[in-house]
């Protein structure tokens, strides 16, 4: 499934995109579903996963178009991650 197919906004398509991902990516997606926007550090704290695993999970979620990232205005060194709702 391509990223453009996921961006149609249908939750079933988002679930289809996540289905084949590792459990860590599924957990990160679920945490982002309940928390609007989080940094990688916050994701690691919420999921109790190691930071390296969170980085890998976020990368996989970005590759399938489920997660969007942007820069933090309060600290430009940090990236903020949100679940793609488009």
N, C-alpha and C. Protein backbone atom coordinates (compact mmCIF):
# COMPACT_ATOMS: atom_id res chain seq x y z
N UNK A 1 0.84 -1.17 0.00
CA UNK A 1 0.00 0.00 0.00
C UNK A 1 0.89 1.23 0.00
N UNK A 2 0.59 2.15 -0.85
CA UNK A 2 1.41 3.35 -0.96
C UNK A 2 0.96 4.40 0.05
N UNK A 3 1.81 5.37 0.28
CA UNK A 3 1.50 6.44 1.22
C UNK A 3 0.30 7.24 0.76
N UNK A 4 0.12 7.41 -0.54
CA UNK A 4 -1.02 8.19 -1.03
C UNK A 4 -2.33 7.48 -0.76
N UNK A 5 -2.33 6.14 -0.74
CA UNK A 5 -3.55 5.40 -0.43
C UNK A 5 -3.92 5.55 1.04
N UNK A 6 -2.93 5.66 1.90
CA UNK A 6 -3.18 5.79 3.32
C UNK A 6 -3.73 7.16 3.64
N UNK A 7 -3.39 8.17 2.89
CA UNK A 7 -3.76 9.54 3.20
C UNK A 7 -5.21 9.88 2.86
N UNK A 8 -6.03 8.91 2.51
CA UNK A 8 -7.41 9.18 2.18
C UNK A 8 -8.26 9.41 3.41
N UNK A 9 -7.74 9.07 4.60
CA UNK A 9 -8.45 9.36 5.82
C UNK A 9 -9.27 8.20 6.34
N UNK A 10 -9.36 7.11 5.66
CA UNK A 10 -10.14 5.96 6.08
C UNK A 10 -9.35 5.17 7.12
N UNK A 11 -9.93 4.96 8.30
CA UNK A 11 -9.22 4.24 9.36
C UNK A 11 -8.89 2.81 8.96
N UNK A 12 -9.73 2.19 8.15
CA UNK A 12 -9.44 0.82 7.74
C UNK A 12 -8.19 0.75 6.88
N UNK A 13 -7.96 1.77 6.07
CA UNK A 13 -6.74 1.80 5.26
C UNK A 13 -5.52 2.01 6.14
N UNK A 14 -5.66 2.82 7.19
CA UNK A 14 -4.55 3.02 8.13
C UNK A 14 -4.24 1.71 8.82
N UNK A 15 -5.27 0.99 9.23
CA UNK A 15 -5.06 -0.30 9.88
C UNK A 15 -4.41 -1.30 8.93
N UNK A 16 -4.81 -1.26 7.66
CA UNK A 16 -4.18 -2.15 6.67
C UNK A 16 -2.70 -1.83 6.51
N UNK A 17 -2.36 -0.55 6.52
CA UNK A 17 -0.96 -0.15 6.36
C UNK A 17 -0.12 -0.58 7.55
N UNK A 18 -0.72 -0.59 8.73
CA UNK A 18 -0.01 -0.92 9.95
C UNK A 18 0.07 -2.43 10.16
N UNK A 19 -0.84 -3.17 9.60
CA UNK A 19 -0.98 -4.62 9.86
C UNK A 19 0.34 -5.39 9.72
N UNK A 20 1.14 -5.10 8.70
CA UNK A 20 2.35 -5.86 8.43
C UNK A 20 3.59 -5.30 9.13
N UNK A 21 3.42 -4.27 9.92
CA UNK A 21 4.56 -3.66 10.61
C UNK A 21 4.86 -4.42 11.91
N UNK A 22 6.07 -4.23 12.45
CA UNK A 22 6.42 -4.89 13.71
C UNK A 22 5.57 -4.39 14.87
N UNK A 23 5.49 -5.18 15.94
CA UNK A 23 4.68 -4.79 17.11
C UNK A 23 5.08 -3.43 17.70
N UNK A 24 6.35 -3.10 17.65
CA UNK A 24 6.78 -1.81 18.20
C UNK A 24 6.15 -0.65 17.42
N UNK A 25 6.05 -0.78 16.11
CA UNK A 25 5.44 0.27 15.29
C UNK A 25 3.94 0.37 15.59
N UNK A 26 3.30 -0.76 15.80
CA UNK A 26 1.88 -0.76 16.14
C UNK A 26 1.65 -0.07 17.48
N UNK A 27 2.52 -0.33 18.43
CA UNK A 27 2.41 0.30 19.74
C UNK A 27 2.60 1.81 19.64
N UNK A 28 3.60 2.24 18.89
CA UNK A 28 3.85 3.68 18.71
C UNK A 28 2.64 4.33 18.05
N UNK A 29 2.06 3.68 17.04
CA UNK A 29 0.88 4.24 16.37
C UNK A 29 -0.29 4.36 17.34
N UNK A 30 -0.48 3.37 18.19
CA UNK A 30 -1.58 3.40 19.17
C UNK A 30 -1.36 4.52 20.19
N UNK A 31 -0.13 4.69 20.64
CA UNK A 31 0.16 5.77 21.59
C UNK A 31 -0.09 7.13 20.93
N UNK A 32 0.29 7.27 19.67
CA UNK A 32 0.04 8.54 18.96
C UNK A 32 -1.45 8.76 18.72
N UNK A 33 -2.21 7.68 18.63
CA UNK A 33 -3.65 7.81 18.47
C UNK A 33 -4.28 8.45 19.71
N UNK A 34 -3.76 8.11 20.88
CA UNK A 34 -4.29 8.65 22.13
C UNK A 34 -3.66 9.98 22.54
N UNK A 35 -2.46 10.24 22.08
CA UNK A 35 -1.75 11.49 22.38
C UNK A 35 -1.52 12.19 21.06
N UNK A 36 -1.96 13.40 20.96
CA UNK A 36 -1.94 14.11 19.68
C UNK A 36 -0.56 14.20 19.06
N UNK A 37 0.40 14.76 19.76
CA UNK A 37 1.74 14.99 19.23
C UNK A 37 2.77 14.68 20.30
N UNK A 38 3.78 13.90 19.93
CA UNK A 38 4.83 13.55 20.89
C UNK A 38 6.20 13.56 20.21
N UNK A 39 7.24 13.77 21.01
CA UNK A 39 8.62 13.65 20.53
C UNK A 39 9.03 12.19 20.66
N UNK A 40 10.19 11.85 20.11
CA UNK A 40 10.69 10.48 20.25
C UNK A 40 10.94 10.13 21.71
N UNK A 41 11.44 11.07 22.48
CA UNK A 41 11.69 10.84 23.90
C UNK A 41 10.39 10.55 24.62
N UNK A 42 9.36 11.33 24.33
CA UNK A 42 8.07 11.11 24.96
C UNK A 42 7.47 9.77 24.53
N UNK A 43 7.65 9.41 23.26
CA UNK A 43 7.17 8.11 22.79
C UNK A 43 7.87 6.98 23.52
N UNK A 44 9.17 7.12 23.72
CA UNK A 44 9.92 6.09 24.44
C UNK A 44 9.42 5.97 25.89
N UNK A 45 9.12 7.09 26.51
CA UNK A 45 8.61 7.06 27.88
C UNK A 45 7.22 6.44 27.94
N UNK A 46 6.36 6.78 27.01
CA UNK A 46 4.99 6.27 27.01
C UNK A 46 4.92 4.79 26.66
N UNK A 47 5.76 4.34 25.74
CA UNK A 47 5.70 2.95 25.29
C UNK A 47 6.60 2.02 26.10
N UNK A 48 7.51 2.60 26.86
CA UNK A 48 8.52 1.83 27.61
C UNK A 48 9.45 1.06 26.68
N UNK A 49 9.58 1.54 25.44
CA UNK A 49 10.50 0.94 24.48
C UNK A 49 11.83 1.70 24.50
N UNK A 50 12.92 1.04 24.14
CA UNK A 50 14.20 1.75 24.03
C UNK A 50 14.14 2.80 22.91
N UNK A 51 14.88 3.90 23.07
CA UNK A 51 14.86 4.96 22.05
C UNK A 51 15.19 4.45 20.65
N UNK A 52 16.11 3.52 20.55
CA UNK A 52 16.49 2.98 19.24
C UNK A 52 15.30 2.27 18.57
N UNK A 53 14.53 1.54 19.35
CA UNK A 53 13.36 0.85 18.84
C UNK A 53 12.29 1.84 18.41
N UNK A 54 12.13 2.91 19.17
CA UNK A 54 11.16 3.95 18.81
C UNK A 54 11.56 4.61 17.50
N UNK A 55 12.85 4.90 17.33
CA UNK A 55 13.31 5.51 16.07
C UNK A 55 12.98 4.61 14.88
N UNK A 56 13.23 3.32 15.04
CA UNK A 56 12.94 2.37 13.97
C UNK A 56 11.43 2.30 13.69
N UNK A 57 10.63 2.27 14.75
CA UNK A 57 9.18 2.20 14.59
C UNK A 57 8.64 3.45 13.88
N UNK A 58 9.12 4.61 14.29
CA UNK A 58 8.67 5.86 13.67
C UNK A 58 9.06 5.90 12.20
N UNK A 59 10.26 5.45 11.90
CA UNK A 59 10.73 5.41 10.51
C UNK A 59 9.83 4.52 9.67
N UNK A 60 9.49 3.35 10.18
CA UNK A 60 8.61 2.43 9.45
C UNK A 60 7.22 3.05 9.25
N UNK A 61 6.70 3.71 10.28
CA UNK A 61 5.39 4.35 10.17
C UNK A 61 5.40 5.50 9.18
N UNK A 62 6.50 6.25 9.14
CA UNK A 62 6.63 7.33 8.16
C UNK A 62 6.69 6.78 6.74
N UNK A 63 7.37 5.65 6.56
CA UNK A 63 7.51 5.05 5.24
C UNK A 63 6.18 4.62 4.64
N UNK A 64 5.23 4.21 5.47
CA UNK A 64 3.92 3.82 4.96
C UNK A 64 2.92 4.96 5.01
N UNK A 65 3.35 6.14 5.46
CA UNK A 65 2.51 7.33 5.44
C UNK A 65 1.52 7.44 6.57
N UNK A 66 1.75 6.71 7.66
CA UNK A 66 0.83 6.73 8.80
C UNK A 66 1.18 7.85 9.78
N UNK A 67 2.45 8.22 9.85
CA UNK A 67 2.92 9.23 10.79
C UNK A 67 3.54 10.39 10.04
N UNK A 68 3.22 11.60 10.51
CA UNK A 68 3.84 12.82 9.98
C UNK A 68 4.78 13.36 11.04
N UNK A 69 5.85 14.01 10.59
CA UNK A 69 6.78 14.61 11.54
C UNK A 69 7.01 16.07 11.18
N UNK A 70 7.36 16.83 12.19
CA UNK A 70 7.65 18.24 12.00
C UNK A 70 8.61 18.70 13.09
N UNK A 71 9.11 19.91 12.93
CA UNK A 71 10.05 20.45 13.91
C UNK A 71 9.30 21.07 15.08
N UNK A 72 9.88 20.95 16.25
CA UNK A 72 9.34 21.59 17.43
C UNK A 72 9.72 23.06 17.41
N UNK A 73 8.76 23.93 17.66
CA UNK A 73 9.06 25.36 17.69
C UNK A 73 9.76 25.75 18.98
N UNK A 74 9.57 24.97 20.02
CA UNK A 74 10.24 25.29 21.29
C UNK A 74 11.67 24.79 21.34
N UNK A 75 11.97 23.73 20.58
CA UNK A 75 13.33 23.18 20.53
C UNK A 75 13.54 22.58 19.15
N UNK A 76 14.24 23.31 18.29
CA UNK A 76 14.41 22.90 16.89
C UNK A 76 15.20 21.60 16.73
N UNK A 77 15.86 21.14 17.79
CA UNK A 77 16.58 19.88 17.71
C UNK A 77 15.64 18.68 17.76
N UNK A 78 14.43 18.90 18.25
CA UNK A 78 13.47 17.80 18.42
C UNK A 78 12.46 17.80 17.28
N UNK A 79 12.00 16.60 16.96
CA UNK A 79 10.94 16.43 15.97
C UNK A 79 9.68 15.98 16.69
N UNK A 80 8.56 16.47 16.20
CA UNK A 80 7.26 16.10 16.76
C UNK A 80 6.58 15.14 15.80
N UNK A 81 5.96 14.12 16.33
CA UNK A 81 5.29 13.10 15.52
C UNK A 81 3.81 13.07 15.82
N UNK A 82 3.02 13.00 14.76
CA UNK A 82 1.57 12.90 14.88
C UNK A 82 1.07 11.81 13.94
N UNK A 83 -0.05 11.24 14.31
CA UNK A 83 -0.70 10.25 13.45
C UNK A 83 -1.31 10.99 12.28
N UNK A 84 -1.10 10.50 11.08
CA UNK A 84 -1.62 11.14 9.88
C UNK A 84 -3.13 10.98 9.84
N UNK A 85 -3.85 12.09 9.86
CA UNK A 85 -5.31 12.04 9.88
C UNK A 85 -5.93 12.46 8.54
N UNK A 86 -5.13 12.66 7.56
CA UNK A 86 -5.66 13.08 6.26
C UNK A 86 -6.28 11.94 5.51
